[in-house]
Amino acid sequence: MKTLESERLTLTMYTLDDADGLYAYASNPNVGPHAGWAPHKDVEESREICSCPAKPGL
């Protein structure tokens, strides 16, 4: 997995360890719709997102 780093920011791919944190953020109804996706219904939905590898070019 590729990691992008700058002096102030590090971007990495999701791992299954991130599922709970992603759910805490993505279940907020004020977040997802503005980004074009529905709020996550449960932590399992967030786990599925974390386990899907990103497609090249995205």
PDB file of N, CA and C in Angstrom:
ATOM      1  N   MET A   1       0.834  -1.178   0.000  1.00  0.00           N
ATOM      2  CA  MET A   1       0.000   0.000   0.000  1.00  0.00           C
ATOM      3  C   MET A   1       0.880   1.243   0.000  1.00  0.00           C
ATOM      4  N   LYS A   2       0.460   2.190  -0.754  1.00  0.00           N
ATOM      5  CA  LYS A   2       1.208   3.425  -0.853  1.00  0.00           C
ATOM      6  C   LYS A   2       0.769   4.405   0.235  1.00  0.00           C
ATOM      7  N   THR A   3       1.741   5.081   0.817  1.00  0.00           N
ATOM      8  CA  THR A   3       1.487   6.116   1.810  1.00  0.00           C
ATOM      9  C   THR A   3       1.990   7.435   1.240  1.00  0.00           C
ATOM     10  N   LEU A   4       1.175   8.456   1.346  1.00  0.00           N
ATOM     11  CA  LEU A   4       1.572   9.791   0.917  1.00  0.00           C
ATOM     12  C   LEU A   4       1.846  10.631   2.148  1.00  0.00           C
ATOM     13  N   GLU A   5       3.007  11.261   2.186  1.00  0.00           N
ATOM     14  CA  GLU A   5       3.384  12.059   3.348  1.00  0.00           C
ATOM     15  C   GLU A   5       3.848  13.444   2.939  1.00  0.00           C
ATOM     16  N   SER A   6       3.500  14.386   3.782  1.00  0.00           N
ATOM     17  CA  SER A   6       4.046  15.739   3.663  1.00  0.00           C
ATOM     18  C   SER A   6       4.512  16.126   5.069  1.00  0.00           C
ATOM     19  N   GLU A   7       4.970  17.331   5.213  1.00  0.00           N
ATOM     20  CA  GLU A   7       5.441  17.783   6.514  1.00  0.00           C
ATOM     21  C   GLU A   7       4.333  17.746   7.567  1.00  0.00           C
ATOM     22  N   ARG A   8       3.090  18.009   7.147  1.00  0.00           N
ATOM     23  CA  ARG A   8       1.986  18.131   8.109  1.00  0.00           C
ATOM     24  C   ARG A   8       0.913  17.062   8.001  1.00  0.00           C
ATOM     25  N   LEU A   9       1.023  16.156   7.001  1.00  0.00           N
ATOM     26  CA  LEU A   9      -0.071  15.219   6.753  1.00  0.00           C
ATOM     27  C   LEU A   9       0.467  13.883   6.270  1.00  0.00           C
ATOM     28  N   THR A  10      -0.146  12.793   6.735  1.00  0.00           N
ATOM     29  CA  THR A  10       0.153  11.456   6.235  1.00  0.00           C
ATOM     30  C   THR A  10      -1.164  10.812   5.819  1.00  0.00           C
ATOM     31  N   LEU A  11      -1.254  10.349   4.580  1.00  0.00           N
ATOM     32  CA  LEU A  11      -2.444   9.671   4.066  1.00  0.00           C
ATOM     33  C   LEU A  11      -2.106   8.204   3.833  1.00  0.00           C
ATOM     34  N   THR A  12      -2.915   7.327   4.385  1.00  0.00           N
ATOM     35  CA  THR A  12      -2.733   5.886   4.199  1.00  0.00           C
ATOM     36  C   THR A  12      -4.066   5.271   3.811  1.00  0.00           C
ATOM     37  N   MET A  13      -4.027   4.046   3.343  1.00  0.00           N
ATOM     38  CA  MET A  13      -5.251   3.318   3.020  1.00  0.00           C
ATOM     39  C   MET A  13      -5.915   2.876   4.326  1.00  0.00           C
ATOM     40  N   TYR A  14      -7.220   2.676   4.295  1.00  0.00           N
ATOM     41  CA  TYR A  14      -7.927   2.142   5.451  1.00  0.00           C
ATOM     42  C   TYR A  14      -7.447   0.719   5.726  1.00  0.00           C
ATOM     43  N   THR A  15      -7.485   0.346   7.001  1.00  0.00           N
ATOM     44  CA  THR A  15      -7.310  -1.046   7.407  1.00  0.00           C
ATOM     45  C   THR A  15      -8.526  -1.405   8.255  1.00  0.00           C
ATOM     46  N   LEU A  16      -8.699  -2.696   8.544  1.00  0.00           N
ATOM     47  CA  LEU A  16      -9.837  -3.096   9.378  1.00  0.00           C
ATOM     48  C   LEU A  16      -9.765  -2.477  10.772  1.00  0.00           C
ATOM     49  N   ASP A  17      -8.578  -2.102  11.213  1.00  0.00           N
ATOM     50  CA  ASP A  17      -8.437  -1.432  12.508  1.00  0.00           C
ATOM     51  C   ASP A  17      -9.105  -0.054  12.510  1.00  0.00           C
ATOM     52  N   ASP A  18      -9.379   0.490  11.335  1.00  0.00           N
ATOM     53  CA  ASP A  18      -9.987   1.816  11.215  1.00  0.00           C
ATOM     54  C   ASP A  18     -11.518   1.790  11.203  1.00  0.00           C
ATOM     55  N   ALA A  19     -12.113   0.606  11.209  1.00  0.00           N
ATOM     56  CA  ALA A  19     -13.566   0.484  11.022  1.00  0.00           C
ATOM     57  C   ALA A  19     -14.370   1.246  12.073  1.00  0.00           C
ATOM     58  N   ASP A  20     -14.004   1.130  13.337  1.00  0.00           N
ATOM     59  CA  ASP A  20     -14.773   1.812  14.383  1.00  0.00           C
ATOM     60  C   ASP A  20     -14.694   3.329  14.233  1.00  0.00           C
ATOM     61  N   GLY A  21     -13.512   3.836  13.947  1.00  0.00           N
ATOM     62  CA  GLY A  21     -13.353   5.273  13.756  1.00  0.00           C
ATOM     63  C   GLY A  21     -14.073   5.771  12.520  1.00  0.00           C
ATOM     64  N   LEU A  22     -14.002   4.986  11.446  1.00  0.00           N
ATOM     65  CA  LEU A  22     -14.717   5.363  10.231  1.00  0.00           C
ATOM     66  C   LEU A  22     -16.211   5.402  10.498  1.00  0.00           C
ATOM     67  N   TYR A  23     -16.724   4.399  11.209  1.00  0.00           N
ATOM     68  CA  TYR A  23     -18.155   4.379  11.516  1.00  0.00           C
ATOM     69  C   TYR A  23     -18.562   5.596  12.349  1.00  0.00           C
ATOM     70  N   ALA A  24     -17.745   5.960  13.324  1.00  0.00           N
ATOM     71  CA  ALA A  24     -18.069   7.121  14.167  1.00  0.00           C
ATOM     72  C   ALA A  24     -18.219   8.377  13.306  1.00  0.00           C
ATOM     73  N   TYR A  25     -17.421   8.496  12.280  1.00  0.00           N
ATOM     74  CA  TYR A  25     -17.475   9.659  11.380  1.00  0.00           C
ATOM     75  C   TYR A  25     -18.565   9.486  10.325  1.00  0.00           C
ATOM     76  N   ALA A  26     -18.581   8.326   9.678  1.00  0.00           N
ATOM     77  CA  ALA A  26     -19.450   8.122   8.513  1.00  0.00           C
ATOM     78  C   ALA A  26     -20.911   7.871   8.861  1.00  0.00           C
ATOM     79  N   SER A  27     -21.210   7.631  10.127  1.00  0.00           N
ATOM     80  CA  SER A  27     -22.612   7.431  10.513  1.00  0.00           C
ATOM     81  C   SER A  27     -23.314   8.763  10.773  1.00  0.00           C
ATOM     82  N   ASN A  28     -22.565   9.829  10.820  1.00  0.00           N
ATOM     83  CA  ASN A  28     -23.128  11.156  11.054  1.00  0.00           C
ATOM     84  C   ASN A  28     -23.934  11.582   9.818  1.00  0.00           C
ATOM     85  N   PRO A  29     -25.227  11.854   9.962  1.00  0.00           N
ATOM     86  CA  PRO A  29     -26.050  12.222   8.809  1.00  0.00           C
ATOM     87  C   PRO A  29     -25.680  13.567   8.196  1.00  0.00           C
ATOM     88  N   ASN A  30     -24.850  14.329   8.867  1.00  0.00           N
ATOM     89  CA  ASN A  30     -24.407  15.616   8.319  1.00  0.00           C
ATOM     90  C   ASN A  30     -23.116  15.507   7.521  1.00  0.00           C
ATOM     91  N   VAL A  31     -22.570  14.303   7.396  1.00  0.00           N
ATOM     92  CA  VAL A  31     -21.295  14.112   6.701  1.00  0.00           C
ATOM     93  C   VAL A  31     -21.487  13.489   5.322  1.00  0.00           C
ATOM     94  N   GLY A  32     -21.969  12.272   5.272  1.00  0.00           N
ATOM     95  CA  GLY A  32     -22.035  11.503   4.026  1.00  0.00           C
ATOM     96  C   GLY A  32     -22.785  12.160   2.879  1.00  0.00           C
ATOM     97  N   PRO A  33     -23.991  12.641   3.107  1.00  0.00           N
ATOM     98  CA  PRO A  33     -24.741  13.218   1.988  1.00  0.00           C
ATOM     99  C   PRO A  33     -24.013  14.366   1.282  1.00  0.00           C
ATOM    100  N   HIS A  34     -23.236  15.132   2.016  1.00  0.00           N
ATOM    101  CA  HIS A  34     -22.479  16.228   1.389  1.00  0.00           C
ATOM    102  C   HIS A  34     -21.349  15.692   0.528  1.00  0.00           C
ATOM    103  N   ALA A  35     -20.901  14.467   0.829  1.00  0.00           N
ATOM    104  CA  ALA A  35     -19.816  13.838   0.063  1.00  0.00           C
ATOM    105  C   ALA A  35     -20.352  12.896  -1.011  1.00  0.00           C
ATOM    106  N   GLY A  36     -21.666  12.706  -1.060  1.00  0.00           N
ATOM    107  CA  GLY A  36     -22.262  11.876  -2.095  1.00  0.00           C
ATOM    108  C   GLY A  36     -22.543  10.445  -1.692  1.00  0.00           C
ATOM    109  N   TRP A  37     -22.522  10.136  -0.403  1.00  0.00           N
ATOM    110  CA  TRP A  37     -22.843   8.786   0.057  1.00  0.00           C
ATOM    111  C   TRP A  37     -23.745   8.841   1.281  1.00  0.00           C
ATOM    112  N   ALA A  38     -24.489   7.767   1.458  1.00  0.00           N
ATOM    113  CA  ALA A  38     -25.423   7.682   2.592  1.00  0.00           C
ATOM    114  C   ALA A  38     -24.654   7.412   3.880  1.00  0.00           C
ATOM    115  N   PRO A  39     -25.182   7.890   5.019  1.00  0.00           N
ATOM    116  CA  PRO A  39     -24.550   7.579   6.298  1.00  0.00           C
ATOM    117  C   PRO A  39     -24.469   6.059   6.503  1.00  0.00           C
ATOM    118  N   HIS A  40     -23.382   5.597   7.097  1.00  0.00           N
ATOM    119  CA  HIS A  40     -23.235   4.165   7.360  1.00  0.00           C
ATOM    120  C   HIS A  40     -24.256   3.744   8.408  1.00  0.00           C
ATOM    121  N   LYS A  41     -24.893   2.598   8.169  1.00  0.00           N
ATOM    122  CA  LYS A  41     -25.953   2.109   9.056  1.00  0.00           C
ATOM    123  C   LYS A  41     -25.408   1.385  10.281  1.00  0.00           C
ATOM    124  N   ASP A  42     -24.242   0.723  10.129  1.00  0.00           N
ATOM    125  CA  ASP A  42     -23.630  -0.003  11.240  1.00  0.00           C
ATOM    126  C   ASP A  42     -22.138  -0.155  10.980  1.00  0.00           C
ATOM    127  N   VAL A  43     -21.413  -0.606  12.013  1.00  0.00           N
ATOM    128  CA  VAL A  43     -19.960  -0.722  11.890  1.00  0.00           C
ATOM    129  C   VAL A  43     -19.574  -1.768  10.842  1.00  0.00           C
ATOM    130  N   GLU A  44     -20.438  -2.731  10.598  1.00  0.00           N
ATOM    131  CA  GLU A  44     -20.151  -3.742   9.565  1.00  0.00           C
ATOM    132  C   GLU A  44     -20.043  -3.090   8.183  1.00  0.00           C
ATOM    133  N   GLU A  45     -20.884  -2.127   7.909  1.00  0.00           N
ATOM    134  CA  GLU A  45     -20.796  -1.408   6.635  1.00  0.00           C
ATOM    135  C   GLU A  45     -19.438  -0.698   6.523  1.00  0.00           C
ATOM    136  N   SER A  46     -18.987  -0.107   7.606  1.00  0.00           N
ATOM    137  CA  SER A  46     -17.682   0.552   7.612  1.00  0.00           C
ATOM    138  C   SER A  46     -16.562  -0.472   7.452  1.00  0.00           C
ATOM    139  N   ARG A  47     -16.712  -1.652   8.066  1.00  0.00           N
ATOM    140  CA  ARG A  47     -15.720  -2.723   7.906  1.00  0.00           C
ATOM    141  C   ARG A  47     -15.596  -3.125   6.444  1.00  0.00           C
ATOM    142  N   GLU A  48     -16.726  -3.216   5.759  1.00  0.00           N
ATOM    143  CA  GLU A  48     -16.708  -3.575   4.337  1.00  0.00           C
ATOM    144  C   GLU A  48     -15.926  -2.541   3.530  1.00  0.00           C
ATOM    145  N   ILE A  49     -16.125  -1.272   3.830  1.00  0.00           N
ATOM    146  CA  ILE A  49     -15.394  -0.206   3.136  1.00  0.00           C
ATOM    147  C   ILE A  49     -13.898  -0.350   3.404  1.00  0.00           C
ATOM    148  N   CYS A  50     -13.539  -0.615   4.656  1.00  0.00           N
ATOM    149  CA  CYS A  50     -12.116  -0.741   5.013  1.00  0.00           C
ATOM    150  C   CYS A  50     -11.457  -1.954   4.365  1.00  0.00           C
ATOM    151  N   SER A  51     -12.240  -2.982   4.084  1.00  0.00           N
ATOM    152  CA  SER A  51     -11.646  -4.205   3.524  1.00  0.00           C
ATOM    153  C   SER A  51     -11.568  -4.198   2.009  1.00  0.00           C
ATOM    154  N   CYS A  52     -12.182  -3.215   1.349  1.00  0.00           N
ATOM    155  CA  CYS A  52     -12.145  -3.129  -0.118  1.00  0.00           C
ATOM    156  C   CYS A  52     -10.924  -2.338  -0.551  1.00  0.00           C
ATOM    157  N   PRO A  53     -10.063  -2.956  -1.347  1.00  0.00           N
ATOM    158  CA  PRO A  53      -8.912  -2.171  -1.835  1.00  0.00           C
ATOM    159  C   PRO A  53      -9.365  -1.080  -2.803  1.00  0.00           C
ATOM    160  N   ALA A  54      -8.674   0.025  -2.788  1.00  0.00           N
ATOM    161  CA  ALA A  54      -8.999   1.118  -3.715  1.00  0.00           C
ATOM    162  C   ALA A  54      -8.638   0.694  -5.128  1.00  0.00           C
ATOM    163  N   LYS A  55      -9.416   1.142  -6.071  1.00  0.00           N
ATOM    164  CA  LYS A  55      -9.131   0.857  -7.473  1.00  0.00           C
ATOM    165  C   LYS A  55      -8.062   1.816  -7.978  1.00  0.00           C
ATOM    166  N   PRO A  56      -7.148   1.331  -8.806  1.00  0.00           N
ATOM    167  CA  PRO A  56      -6.140   2.240  -9.364  1.00  0.00           C
ATOM    168  C   PRO A  56      -6.794   3.430 -10.057  1.00  0.00           C
ATOM    169  N   GLY A  57      -6.230   4.573  -9.855  1.00  0.00           N
ATOM    170  CA  GLY A  57      -6.745   5.764 -10.502  1.00  0.00           C
ATOM    171  C   GLY A  57      -7.765   6.529  -9.679  1.00  0.00           C
ATOM    172  N   LEU A  58      -8.171   5.966  -8.539  1.00  0.00           N
ATOM    173  CA  LEU A  58      -9.141   6.673  -7.695  1.00  0.00           C
ATOM    174  C   LEU A  58      -8.428   7.476  -6.659  1.00  0.00           C
TER     175      LEU A  58
END
